[in-house]
Amino acid sequence: MYGVPMRTQTSLKKAVAIFHALSDETRLSLLEQLKNGERCVCELTDVMKAGQSRLSFHLKVLKDAGLLVDRREGRWIYYSINPDAIEELEELVETLKQSAKSAISADRCC
């Protein structure tokens, strides 16, 4: 990303990871299941009627994007939504909204 400041490159990479994580129906369903609090993988496999390996893949994508946090208790892993990541997502969307509003009022070259 030639000519793009480092902070912007990091922000852009993070935004790509977040939007990629949100671009899948299964991952959105997982977030829906977690919106009321922490859940164990075993609970999620039952509720989602999906195999653990399939859900583990999707949970990893969400976690790698920073949208989830996990904790281990014995042999079980519990997942929850990362509130800091949701706040970052809100800020990103707000920035896009402000940019769109500015673009509408800006002079056009044609």
PDB file of N, CA and C in Angstrom:
ATOM      1  N   MET A   1       0.834  -1.181   0.000  1.00  0.00           N
ATOM      2  CA  MET A   1       0.000   0.000   0.000  1.00  0.00           C
ATOM      3  C   MET A   1       0.877   1.241   0.000  1.00  0.00           C
ATOM      4  N   TYR A   2       1.415   1.529  -1.137  1.00  0.00           N
ATOM      5  CA  TYR A   2       2.347   2.621  -1.330  1.00  0.00           C
ATOM      6  C   TYR A   2       1.694   3.950  -0.982  1.00  0.00           C
ATOM      7  N   GLY A   3       2.388   4.744  -0.168  1.00  0.00           N
ATOM      8  CA  GLY A   3       1.921   6.085   0.149  1.00  0.00           C
ATOM      9  C   GLY A   3       0.857   6.142   1.233  1.00  0.00           C
ATOM     10  N   VAL A   4       0.484   5.005   1.812  1.00  0.00           N
ATOM     11  CA  VAL A   4      -0.531   4.993   2.859  1.00  0.00           C
ATOM     12  C   VAL A   4       0.172   4.959   4.205  1.00  0.00           C
ATOM     13  N   PRO A   5      -0.165   5.875   5.121  1.00  0.00           N
ATOM     14  CA  PRO A   5       0.486   5.872   6.435  1.00  0.00           C
ATOM     15  C   PRO A   5       0.311   4.532   7.149  1.00  0.00           C
ATOM     16  N   MET A   6       1.291   4.174   7.997  1.00  0.00           N
ATOM     17  CA  MET A   6       1.282   2.882   8.690  1.00  0.00           C
ATOM     18  C   MET A   6       0.008   2.688   9.492  1.00  0.00           C
ATOM     19  N   ARG A   7      -0.440   3.701  10.216  1.00  0.00           N
ATOM     20  CA  ARG A   7      -1.647   3.571  11.028  1.00  0.00           C
ATOM     21  C   ARG A   7      -2.848   3.240  10.144  1.00  0.00           C
ATOM     22  N   THR A   8      -2.934   3.871   8.994  1.00  0.00           N
ATOM     23  CA  THR A   8      -4.024   3.618   8.068  1.00  0.00           C
ATOM     24  C   THR A   8      -3.926   2.206   7.499  1.00  0.00           C
ATOM     25  N   GLN A   9      -2.710   1.738   7.189  1.00  0.00           N
ATOM     26  CA  GLN A   9      -2.541   0.368   6.685  1.00  0.00           C
ATOM     27  C   GLN A   9      -3.031  -0.634   7.712  1.00  0.00           C
ATOM     28  N   THR A  10      -2.670  -0.431   8.978  1.00  0.00           N
ATOM     29  CA  THR A  10      -3.106  -1.324  10.049  1.00  0.00           C
ATOM     30  C   THR A  10      -4.617  -1.287  10.171  1.00  0.00           C
ATOM     31  N   SER A  11      -5.184  -0.105  10.136  1.00  0.00           N
ATOM     32  CA  SER A  11      -6.634   0.042  10.231  1.00  0.00           C
ATOM     33  C   SER A  11      -7.330  -0.633   9.057  1.00  0.00           C
ATOM     34  N   LEU A  12      -6.753  -0.482   7.871  1.00  0.00           N
ATOM     35  CA  LEU A  12      -7.332  -1.085   6.683  1.00  0.00           C
ATOM     36  C   LEU A  12      -7.295  -2.610   6.771  1.00  0.00           C
ATOM     37  N   LYS A  13      -6.155  -3.162   7.201  1.00  0.00           N
ATOM     38  CA  LYS A  13      -6.045  -4.614   7.344  1.00  0.00           C
ATOM     39  C   LYS A  13      -7.038  -5.133   8.376  1.00  0.00           C
ATOM     40  N   LYS A  14      -7.194  -4.405   9.474  1.00  0.00           N
ATOM     41  CA  LYS A  14      -8.136  -4.810  10.512  1.00  0.00           C
ATOM     42  C   LYS A  14      -9.576  -4.754   9.975  1.00  0.00           C
ATOM     43  N   ALA A  15      -9.897  -3.709   9.234  1.00  0.00           N
ATOM     44  CA  ALA A  15     -11.241  -3.584   8.657  1.00  0.00           C
ATOM     45  C   ALA A  15     -11.517  -4.736   7.694  1.00  0.00           C
ATOM     46  N   VAL A  16     -10.536  -5.091   6.879  1.00  0.00           N
ATOM     47  CA  VAL A  16     -10.705  -6.215   5.946  1.00  0.00           C
ATOM     48  C   VAL A  16     -10.987  -7.495   6.720  1.00  0.00           C
ATOM     49  N   ALA A  17     -10.232  -7.746   7.786  1.00  0.00           N
ATOM     50  CA  ALA A  17     -10.438  -8.959   8.587  1.00  0.00           C
ATOM     51  C   ALA A  17     -11.825  -8.970   9.221  1.00  0.00           C
ATOM     52  N   ILE A  18     -12.246  -7.837   9.738  1.00  0.00           N
ATOM     53  CA  ILE A  18     -13.571  -7.761  10.372  1.00  0.00           C
ATOM     54  C   ILE A  18     -14.671  -7.982   9.351  1.00  0.00           C
ATOM     55  N   PHE A  19     -14.599  -7.291   8.214  1.00  0.00           N
ATOM     56  CA  PHE A  19     -15.662  -7.443   7.222  1.00  0.00           C
ATOM     57  C   PHE A  19     -15.662  -8.843   6.606  1.00  0.00           C
ATOM     58  N   HIS A  20     -14.486  -9.442   6.457  1.00  0.00           N
ATOM     59  CA  HIS A  20     -14.424 -10.831   5.996  1.00  0.00           C
ATOM     60  C   HIS A  20     -15.130 -11.737   7.008  1.00  0.00           C
ATOM     61  N   ALA A  21     -14.837 -11.537   8.279  1.00  0.00           N
ATOM     62  CA  ALA A  21     -15.460 -12.361   9.317  1.00  0.00           C
ATOM     63  C   ALA A  21     -16.973 -12.198   9.325  1.00  0.00           C
ATOM     64  N   LEU A  22     -17.450 -11.015   9.013  1.00  0.00           N
ATOM     65  CA  LEU A  22     -18.885 -10.749   9.028  1.00  0.00           C
ATOM     66  C   LEU A  22     -19.582 -11.130   7.722  1.00  0.00           C
ATOM     67  N   SER A  23     -18.827 -11.597   6.751  1.00  0.00           N
ATOM     68  CA  SER A  23     -19.399 -11.854   5.422  1.00  0.00           C
ATOM     69  C   SER A  23     -19.956 -13.258   5.252  1.00  0.00           C
ATOM     70  N   ASP A  24     -20.078 -13.999   6.327  1.00  0.00           N
ATOM     71  CA  ASP A  24     -20.532 -15.380   6.244  1.00  0.00           C
ATOM     72  C   ASP A  24     -21.756 -15.585   7.130  1.00  0.00           C
ATOM     73  N   GLU A  25     -22.761 -16.246   6.599  1.00  0.00           N
ATOM     74  CA  GLU A  25     -24.017 -16.467   7.325  1.00  0.00           C
ATOM     75  C   GLU A  25     -23.803 -17.260   8.619  1.00  0.00           C
ATOM     76  N   THR A  26     -22.951 -18.265   8.578  1.00  0.00           N
ATOM     77  CA  THR A  26     -22.694 -19.064   9.777  1.00  0.00           C
ATOM     78  C   THR A  26     -22.054 -18.210  10.868  1.00  0.00           C
ATOM     79  N   ARG A  27     -21.107 -17.370  10.479  1.00  0.00           N
ATOM     80  CA  ARG A  27     -20.440 -16.522  11.468  1.00  0.00           C
ATOM     81  C   ARG A  27     -21.392 -15.486  12.046  1.00  0.00           C
ATOM     82  N   LEU A  28     -22.268 -14.956  11.220  1.00  0.00           N
ATOM     83  CA  LEU A  28     -23.280 -14.024  11.737  1.00  0.00           C
ATOM     84  C   LEU A  28     -24.233 -14.740  12.691  1.00  0.00           C
ATOM     85  N   SER A  29     -24.566 -15.983  12.379  1.00  0.00           N
ATOM     86  CA  SER A  29     -25.417 -16.779  13.269  1.00  0.00           C
ATOM     87  C   SER A  29     -24.717 -17.045  14.597  1.00  0.00           C
ATOM     88  N   LEU A  30     -23.419 -17.299  14.544  1.00  0.00           N
ATOM     89  CA  LEU A  30     -22.659 -17.499  15.778  1.00  0.00           C
ATOM     90  C   LEU A  30     -22.679 -16.235  16.638  1.00  0.00           C
ATOM     91  N   LEU A  31     -22.490 -15.088  16.018  1.00  0.00           N
ATOM     92  CA  LEU A  31     -22.556 -13.828  16.769  1.00  0.00           C
ATOM     93  C   LEU A  31     -23.936 -13.641  17.376  1.00  0.00           C
ATOM     94  N   GLU A  32     -24.947 -14.004  16.637  1.00  0.00           N
ATOM     95  CA  GLU A  32     -26.329 -13.923  17.143  1.00  0.00           C
ATOM     96  C   GLU A  32     -26.476 -14.798  18.395  1.00  0.00           C
ATOM     97  N   GLN A  33     -25.898 -15.986  18.360  1.00  0.00           N
ATOM     98  CA  GLN A  33     -25.970 -16.895  19.510  1.00  0.00           C
ATOM     99  C   GLN A  33     -25.206 -16.345  20.718  1.00  0.00           C
ATOM    100  N   LEU A  34     -24.192 -15.540  20.467  1.00  0.00           N
ATOM    101  CA  LEU A  34     -23.347 -15.023  21.543  1.00  0.00           C
ATOM    102  C   LEU A  34     -23.776 -13.647  22.047  1.00  0.00           C
ATOM    103  N   LYS A  35     -24.789 -13.065  21.441  1.00  0.00           N
ATOM    104  CA  LYS A  35     -25.147 -11.694  21.815  1.00  0.00           C
ATOM    105  C   LYS A  35     -25.649 -11.575  23.248  1.00  0.00           C
ATOM    106  N   ASN A  36     -26.139 -12.671  23.821  1.00  0.00           N
ATOM    107  CA  ASN A  36     -26.621 -12.624  25.198  1.00  0.00           C
ATOM    108  C   ASN A  36     -25.601 -13.134  26.201  1.00  0.00           C
ATOM    109  N   GLY A  37     -24.376 -13.365  25.747  1.00  0.00           N
ATOM    110  CA  GLY A  37     -23.327 -13.771  26.673  1.00  0.00           C
ATOM    111  C   GLY A  37     -22.548 -14.976  26.207  1.00  0.00           C
ATOM    112  N   GLU A  38     -21.633 -15.363  27.047  1.00  0.00           N
ATOM    113  CA  GLU A  38     -20.683 -16.436  26.777  1.00  0.00           C
ATOM    114  C   GLU A  38     -21.384 -17.778  26.567  1.00  0.00           C
ATOM    115  N   ARG A  39     -20.845 -18.536  25.601  1.00  0.00           N
ATOM    116  CA  ARG A  39     -21.364 -19.886  25.341  1.00  0.00           C
ATOM    117  C   ARG A  39     -20.204 -20.838  25.092  1.00  0.00           C
ATOM    118  N   CYS A  40     -20.410 -22.077  25.500  1.00  0.00           N
ATOM    119  CA  CYS A  40     -19.442 -23.136  25.286  1.00  0.00           C
ATOM    120  C   CYS A  40     -19.591 -23.676  23.866  1.00  0.00           C
ATOM    121  N   VAL A  41     -18.491 -24.160  23.305  1.00  0.00           N
ATOM    122  CA  VAL A  41     -18.533 -24.746  21.966  1.00  0.00           C
ATOM    123  C   VAL A  41     -19.577 -25.869  21.905  1.00  0.00           C
ATOM    124  N   CYS A  42     -19.655 -26.657  22.962  1.00  0.00           N
ATOM    125  CA  CYS A  42     -20.617 -27.767  22.958  1.00  0.00           C
ATOM    126  C   CYS A  42     -22.047 -27.253  22.845  1.00  0.00           C
ATOM    127  N   GLU A  43     -22.358 -26.137  23.493  1.00  0.00           N
ATOM    128  CA  GLU A  43     -23.693 -25.542  23.373  1.00  0.00           C
ATOM    129  C   GLU A  43     -23.933 -25.043  21.951  1.00  0.00           C
ATOM    130  N   LEU A  44     -22.909 -24.408  21.391  1.00  0.00           N
ATOM    131  CA  LEU A  44     -23.050 -23.854  20.044  1.00  0.00           C
ATOM    132  C   LEU A  44     -23.261 -24.948  19.002  1.00  0.00           C
ATOM    133  N   THR A  45     -22.568 -26.079  19.144  1.00  0.00           N
ATOM    134  CA  THR A  45     -22.755 -27.170  18.172  1.00  0.00           C
ATOM    135  C   THR A  45     -24.176 -27.701  18.247  1.00  0.00           C
ATOM    136  N   ASP A  46     -24.740 -27.778  19.449  1.00  0.00           N
ATOM    137  CA  ASP A  46     -26.119 -28.246  19.598  1.00  0.00           C
ATOM    138  C   ASP A  46     -27.110 -27.259  18.987  1.00  0.00           C
ATOM    139  N   VAL A  47     -26.968 -25.988  19.354  1.00  0.00           N
ATOM    140  CA  VAL A  47     -27.895 -24.958  18.880  1.00  0.00           C
ATOM    141  C   VAL A  47     -27.813 -24.766  17.373  1.00  0.00           C
ATOM    142  N   MET A  48     -26.599 -24.781  16.841  1.00  0.00           N
ATOM    143  CA  MET A  48     -26.390 -24.521  15.415  1.00  0.00           C
ATOM    144  C   MET A  48     -26.564 -25.781  14.565  1.00  0.00           C
ATOM    145  N   LYS A  49     -26.672 -26.926  15.228  1.00  0.00           N
ATOM    146  CA  LYS A  49     -26.796 -28.209  14.519  1.00  0.00           C
ATOM    147  C   LYS A  49     -25.686 -28.359  13.472  1.00  0.00           C
ATOM    148  N   ALA A  50     -24.460 -28.152  13.958  1.00  0.00           N
ATOM    149  CA  ALA A  50     -23.288 -28.227  13.085  1.00  0.00           C
ATOM    150  C   ALA A  50     -22.179 -28.972  13.819  1.00  0.00           C
ATOM    151  N   GLY A  51     -21.287 -29.539  13.043  1.00  0.00           N
ATOM    152  CA  GLY A  51     -20.157 -30.253  13.617  1.00  0.00           C
ATOM    153  C   GLY A  51     -19.174 -29.314  14.284  1.00  0.00           C
ATOM    154  N   GLN A  52     -18.469 -29.826  15.280  1.00  0.00           N
ATOM    155  CA  GLN A  52     -17.531 -29.009  16.026  1.00  0.00           C
ATOM    156  C   GLN A  52     -16.396 -28.490  15.142  1.00  0.00           C
ATOM    157  N   SER A  53     -15.903 -29.298  14.217  1.00  0.00           N
ATOM    158  CA  SER A  53     -14.795 -28.843  13.370  1.00  0.00           C
ATOM    159  C   SER A  53     -15.235 -27.678  12.482  1.00  0.00           C
ATOM    160  N   ARG A  54     -16.456 -27.741  11.967  1.00  0.00           N
ATOM    161  CA  ARG A  54     -16.974 -26.651  11.127  1.00  0.00           C
ATOM    162  C   ARG A  54     -17.117 -25.374  11.948  1.00  0.00           C
ATOM    163  N   LEU A  55     -17.696 -25.507  13.142  1.00  0.00           N
ATOM    164  CA  LEU A  55     -17.862 -24.320  13.982  1.00  0.00           C
ATOM    165  C   LEU A  55     -16.519 -23.789  14.462  1.00  0.00           C
ATOM    166  N   SER A  56     -15.595 -24.676  14.758  1.00  0.00           N
ATOM    167  CA  SER A  56     -14.273 -24.235  15.202  1.00  0.00           C
ATOM    168  C   SER A  56     -13.595 -23.369  14.144  1.00  0.00           C
ATOM    169  N   PHE A  57     -13.754 -23.745  12.888  1.00  0.00           N
ATOM    170  CA  PHE A  57     -13.201 -22.938  11.794  1.00  0.00           C
ATOM    171  C   PHE A  57     -13.792 -21.530  11.828  1.00  0.00           C
ATOM    172  N   HIS A  58     -15.111 -21.444  11.910  1.00  0.00           N
ATOM    173  CA  HIS A  58     -15.779 -20.137  11.898  1.00  0.00           C
ATOM    174  C   HIS A  58     -15.470 -19.332  13.159  1.00  0.00           C
ATOM    175  N   LEU A  59     -15.394 -19.996  14.297  1.00  0.00           N
ATOM    176  CA  LEU A  59     -15.036 -19.306  15.536  1.00  0.00           C
ATOM    177  C   LEU A  59     -13.622 -18.741  15.450  1.00  0.00           C
ATOM    178  N   LYS A  60     -12.724 -19.478  14.819  1.00  0.00           N
ATOM    179  CA  LYS A  60     -11.344 -19.005  14.651  1.00  0.00           C
ATOM    180  C   LYS A  60     -11.300 -17.755  13.771  1.00  0.00           C
ATOM    181  N   VAL A  61     -12.074 -17.742  12.706  1.00  0.00           N
ATOM    182  CA  VAL A  61     -12.111 -16.559  11.835  1.00  0.00           C
ATOM    183  C   VAL A  61     -12.588 -15.342  12.630  1.00  0.00           C
ATOM    184  N   LEU A  62     -13.647 -15.533  13.412  1.00  0.00           N
ATOM    185  CA  LEU A  62     -14.178 -14.438  14.226  1.00  0.00           C
ATOM    186  C   LEU A  62     -13.167 -13.997  15.289  1.00  0.00           C
ATOM    187  N   LYS A  63     -12.497 -14.958  15.893  1.00  0.00           N
ATOM    188  CA  LYS A  63     -11.502 -14.638  16.918  1.00  0.00           C
ATOM    189  C   LYS A  63     -10.295 -13.939  16.295  1.00  0.00           C
ATOM    190  N   ASP A  64      -9.813 -14.427  15.154  1.00  0.00           N
ATOM    191  CA  ASP A  64      -8.668 -13.804  14.480  1.00  0.00           C
ATOM    192  C   ASP A  64      -8.969 -12.362  14.072  1.00  0.00           C
ATOM    193  N   ALA A  65     -10.235 -12.081  13.782  1.00  0.00           N
ATOM    194  CA  ALA A  65     -10.639 -10.714  13.429  1.00  0.00           C
ATOM    195  C   ALA A  65     -10.799  -9.849  14.678  1.00  0.00           C
ATOM    196  N   GLY A  66     -10.690 -10.473  15.848  1.00  0.00           N
ATOM    197  CA  GLY A  66     -10.810  -9.733  17.098  1.00  0.00           C
ATOM    198  C   GLY A  66     -12.227  -9.595  17.604  1.00  0.00           C
ATOM    199  N   LEU A  67     -13.185 -10.198  16.901  1.00  0.00           N
ATOM    200  CA  LEU A  67     -14.587 -10.053  17.281  1.00  0.00           C
ATOM    201  C   LEU A  67     -14.982 -10.915  18.476  1.00  0.00           C
ATOM    202  N   LEU A  68     -14.224 -11.974  18.734  1.00  0.00           N
ATOM    203  CA  LEU A  68     -14.511 -12.869  19.857  1.00  0.00           C
ATOM    204  C   LEU A  68     -13.311 -12.981  20.775  1.00  0.00           C
ATOM    205  N   VAL A  69     -13.600 -13.280  22.017  1.00  0.00           N
ATOM    206  CA  VAL A  69     -12.582 -13.685  22.978  1.00  0.00           C
ATOM    207  C   VAL A  69     -12.980 -15.064  23.483  1.00  0.00           C
ATOM    208  N   ASP A  70     -11.994 -15.809  23.944  1.00  0.00           N
ATOM    209  CA  ASP A  70     -12.301 -17.139  24.465  1.00  0.00           C
ATOM    210  C   ASP A  70     -11.581 -17.368  25.771  1.00  0.00           C
ATOM    211  N   ARG A  71     -12.062 -18.349  26.503  1.00  0.00           N
ATOM    212  CA  ARG A  71     -11.392 -18.774  27.724  1.00  0.00           C
ATOM    213  C   ARG A  71     -11.582 -20.273  27.857  1.00  0.00           C
ATOM    214  N   ARG A  72     -10.577 -20.903  28.379  1.00  0.00           N
ATOM    215  CA  ARG A  72     -10.609 -22.356  28.557  1.00  0.00           C
ATOM    216  C   ARG A  72     -10.986 -22.665  29.991  1.00  0.00           C
ATOM    217  N   GLU A  73     -11.884 -23.623  30.139  1.00  0.00           N
ATOM    218  CA  GLU A  73     -12.249 -24.137  31.456  1.00  0.00           C
ATOM    219  C   GLU A  73     -12.248 -25.655  31.343  1.00  0.00           C
ATOM    220  N   GLY A  74     -11.207 -26.257  31.881  1.00  0.00           N
ATOM    221  CA  GLY A  74     -11.050 -27.699  31.716  1.00  0.00           C
ATOM    222  C   GLY A  74     -10.830 -28.016  30.251  1.00  0.00           C
ATOM    223  N   ARG A  75     -11.642 -28.913  29.720  1.00  0.00           N
ATOM    224  CA  ARG A  75     -11.485 -29.258  28.309  1.00  0.00           C
ATOM    225  C   ARG A  75     -12.395 -28.443  27.386  1.00  0.00           C
ATOM    226  N   TRP A  76     -13.183 -27.552  27.960  1.00  0.00           N
ATOM    227  CA  TRP A  76     -14.124 -26.757  27.168  1.00  0.00           C
ATOM    228  C   TRP A  76     -13.599 -25.356  26.920  1.00  0.00           C
ATOM    229  N   ILE A  77     -13.989 -24.811  25.782  1.00  0.00           N
ATOM    230  CA  ILE A  77     -13.644 -23.430  25.451  1.00  0.00           C
ATOM    231  C   ILE A  77     -14.951 -22.640  25.374  1.00  0.00           C
ATOM    232  N   TYR A  78     -14.966 -21.523  26.037  1.00  0.00           N
ATOM    233  CA  TYR A  78     -16.130 -20.640  26.064  1.00  0.00           C
ATOM    234  C   TYR A  78     -15.808 -19.387  25.246  1.00  0.00           C
ATOM    235  N   TYR A  79     -16.749 -18.980  24.420  1.00  0.00           N
ATOM    236  CA  TYR A  79     -16.577 -17.814  23.558  1.00  0.00           C
ATOM    237  C   TYR A  79     -17.561 -16.721  23.941  1.00  0.00           C
ATOM    238  N   SER A  80     -17.123 -15.489  23.762  1.00  0.00           N
ATOM    239  CA  SER A  80     -18.002 -14.337  23.948  1.00  0.00           C
ATOM    240  C   SER A  80     -17.583 -13.237  22.980  1.00  0.00           C
ATOM    241  N   ILE A  81     -18.488 -12.316  22.752  1.00  0.00           N
ATOM    242  CA  ILE A  81     -18.215 -11.192  21.858  1.00  0.00           C
ATOM    243  C   ILE A  81     -17.277 -10.217  22.568  1.00  0.00           C
ATOM    244  N   ASN A  82     -16.303  -9.727  21.836  1.00  0.00           N
ATOM    245  CA  ASN A  82     -15.345  -8.751  22.352  1.00  0.00           C
ATOM    246  C   ASN A  82     -15.971  -7.357  22.223  1.00  0.00           C
ATOM    247  N   PRO A  83     -16.378  -6.747  23.343  1.00  0.00           N
ATOM    248  CA  PRO A  83     -17.033  -5.433  23.253  1.00  0.00           C
ATOM    249  C   PRO A  83     -16.134  -4.357  22.646  1.00  0.00           C
ATOM    250  N   ASP A  84     -14.816  -4.454  22.855  1.00  0.00           N
ATOM    251  CA  ASP A  84     -13.901  -3.472  22.261  1.00  0.00           C
ATOM    252  C   ASP A  84     -13.938  -3.539  20.735  1.00  0.00           C
ATOM    253  N   ALA A  85     -14.028  -4.751  20.197  1.00  0.00           N
ATOM    254  CA  ALA A  85     -14.080  -4.922  18.743  1.00  0.00           C
ATOM    255  C   ALA A  85     -15.380  -4.352  18.179  1.00  0.00           C
ATOM    256  N   ILE A  86     -16.466  -4.514  18.908  1.00  0.00           N
ATOM    257  CA  ILE A  86     -17.751  -3.979  18.443  1.00  0.00           C
ATOM    258  C   ILE A  86     -17.696  -2.454  18.443  1.00  0.00           C
ATOM    259  N   GLU A  87     -17.038  -1.899  19.440  1.00  0.00           N
ATOM    260  CA  GLU A  87     -16.868  -0.449  19.480  1.00  0.00           C
ATOM    261  C   GLU A  87     -16.025   0.032  18.288  1.00  0.00           C
ATOM    262  N   GLU A  88     -14.960  -0.698  17.975  1.00  0.00           N
ATOM    263  CA  GLU A  88     -14.130  -0.360  16.810  1.00  0.00           C
ATOM    264  C   GLU A  88     -14.947  -0.448  15.521  1.00  0.00           C
ATOM    265  N   LEU A  89     -15.789  -1.474  15.429  1.00  0.00           N
ATOM    266  CA  LEU A  89     -16.640  -1.644  14.254  1.00  0.00           C
ATOM    267  C   LEU A  89     -17.609  -0.469  14.128  1.00  0.00           C
ATOM    268  N   GLU A  90     -18.188  -0.052  15.242  1.00  0.00           N
ATOM    269  CA  GLU A  90     -19.086   1.109  15.230  1.00  0.00           C
ATOM    270  C   GLU A  90     -18.357   2.358  14.746  1.00  0.00           C
ATOM    271  N   GLU A  91     -17.116   2.548  15.228  1.00  0.00           N
ATOM    272  CA  GLU A  91     -16.320   3.707  14.805  1.00  0.00           C
ATOM    273  C   GLU A  91     -16.015   3.642  13.318  1.00  0.00           C
ATOM    274  N   LEU A  92     -15.702   2.454  12.825  1.00  0.00           N
ATOM    275  CA  LEU A  92     -15.409   2.277  11.408  1.00  0.00           C
ATOM    276  C   LEU A  92     -16.631   2.613  10.556  1.00  0.00           C
ATOM    277  N   VAL A  93     -17.779   2.112  10.968  1.00  0.00           N
ATOM    278  CA  VAL A  93     -19.015   2.380  10.224  1.00  0.00           C
ATOM    279  C   VAL A  93     -19.353   3.870  10.295  1.00  0.00           C
ATOM    280  N   GLU A  94     -19.149   4.474  11.446  1.00  0.00           N
ATOM    281  CA  GLU A  94     -19.403   5.912  11.589  1.00  0.00           C
ATOM    282  C   GLU A  94     -18.495   6.722  10.660  1.00  0.00           C
ATOM    283  N   THR A  95     -17.233   6.317  10.553  1.00  0.00           N
ATOM    284  CA  THR A  95     -16.303   6.982   9.639  1.00  0.00           C
ATOM    285  C   THR A  95     -16.790   6.859   8.196  1.00  0.00           C
ATOM    286  N   LEU A  96     -17.256   5.678   7.831  1.00  0.00           N
ATOM    287  CA  LEU A  96     -17.789   5.478   6.483  1.00  0.00           C
ATOM    288  C   LEU A  96     -19.025   6.342   6.244  1.00  0.00           C
ATOM    289  N   LYS A  97     -19.892   6.434   7.243  1.00  0.00           N
ATOM    290  CA  LYS A  97     -21.091   7.271   7.117  1.00  0.00           C
ATOM    291  C   LYS A  97     -20.714   8.731   6.912  1.00  0.00           C
ATOM    292  N   GLN A  98     -19.755   9.204   7.711  1.00  0.00           N
ATOM    293  CA  GLN A  98     -19.321  10.598   7.589  1.00  0.00           C
ATOM    294  C   GLN A  98     -18.673  10.858   6.236  1.00  0.00           C
ATOM    295  N   SER A  99     -17.873   9.907   5.759  1.00  0.00           N
ATOM    296  CA  SER A  99     -17.245  10.040   4.444  1.00  0.00           C
ATOM    297  C   SER A  99     -18.300  10.093   3.348  1.00  0.00           C
ATOM    298  N   ALA A 100     -19.315   9.257   3.473  1.00  0.00           N
ATOM    299  CA  ALA A 100     -20.385   9.240   2.462  1.00  0.00           C
ATOM    300  C   ALA A 100     -21.137  10.563   2.467  1.00  0.00           C
ATOM    301  N   LYS A 101     -21.403  11.113   3.634  1.00  0.00           N
ATOM    302  CA  LYS A 101     -22.100  12.408   3.719  1.00  0.00           C
ATOM    303  C   LYS A 101     -21.248  13.523   3.114  1.00  0.00           C
ATOM    304  N   SER A 102     -19.951  13.477   3.367  1.00  0.00           N
ATOM    305  CA  SER A 102     -19.036  14.480   2.819  1.00  0.00           C
ATOM    306  C   SER A 102     -18.963  14.367   1.302  1.00  0.00           C
ATOM    307  N   ALA A 103     -18.958  13.151   0.797  1.00  0.00           N
ATOM    308  CA  ALA A 103     -18.869  12.938  -0.649  1.00  0.00           C
ATOM    309  C   ALA A 103     -20.095  13.463  -1.365  1.00  0.00           C
ATOM    310  N   ILE A 104     -21.247  13.367  -0.725  1.00  0.00           N
ATOM    311  CA  ILE A 104     -22.470  13.855  -1.341  1.00  0.00           C
ATOM    312  C   ILE A 104     -22.421  15.369  -1.498  1.00  0.00           C
ATOM    313  N   SER A 105     -21.877  16.051  -0.504  1.00  0.00           N
ATOM    314  CA  SER A 105     -21.851  17.511  -0.550  1.00  0.00           C
ATOM    315  C   SER A 105     -20.640  18.084  -1.292  1.00  0.00           C
ATOM    316  N   ALA A 106     -19.678  17.239  -1.635  1.00  0.00           N
ATOM    317  CA  ALA A 106     -18.474  17.722  -2.316  1.00  0.00           C
ATOM    318  C   ALA A 106     -18.774  18.038  -3.780  1.00  0.00           C
ATOM    319  N   ASP A 107     -18.003  18.957  -4.333  1.00  0.00           N
ATOM    320  CA  ASP A 107     -18.148  19.276  -5.750  1.00  0.00           C
ATOM    321  C   ASP A 107     -17.723  18.093  -6.590  1.00  0.00           C
ATOM    322  N   ARG A 108     -18.416  17.889  -7.676  1.00  0.00           N
ATOM    323  CA  ARG A 108     -18.062  16.815  -8.601  1.00  0.00           C
ATOM    324  C   ARG A 108     -17.311  17.401  -9.784  1.00  0.00           C
ATOM    325  N   CYS A 109     -16.471  16.592 -10.410  1.00  0.00           N
ATOM    326  CA  CYS A 109     -15.642  17.093 -11.499  1.00  0.00           C
ATOM    327  C   CYS A 109     -16.386  17.164 -12.834  1.00  0.00           C
ATOM    328  N   CYS A 110     -17.545  16.600 -12.922  1.00  0.00           N
ATOM    329  CA  CYS A 110     -18.247  16.567 -14.209  1.00  0.00           C
ATOM    330  C   CYS A 110     -19.213  17.696 -14.371  1.00  0.00           C
TER     331      CYS A 110
END
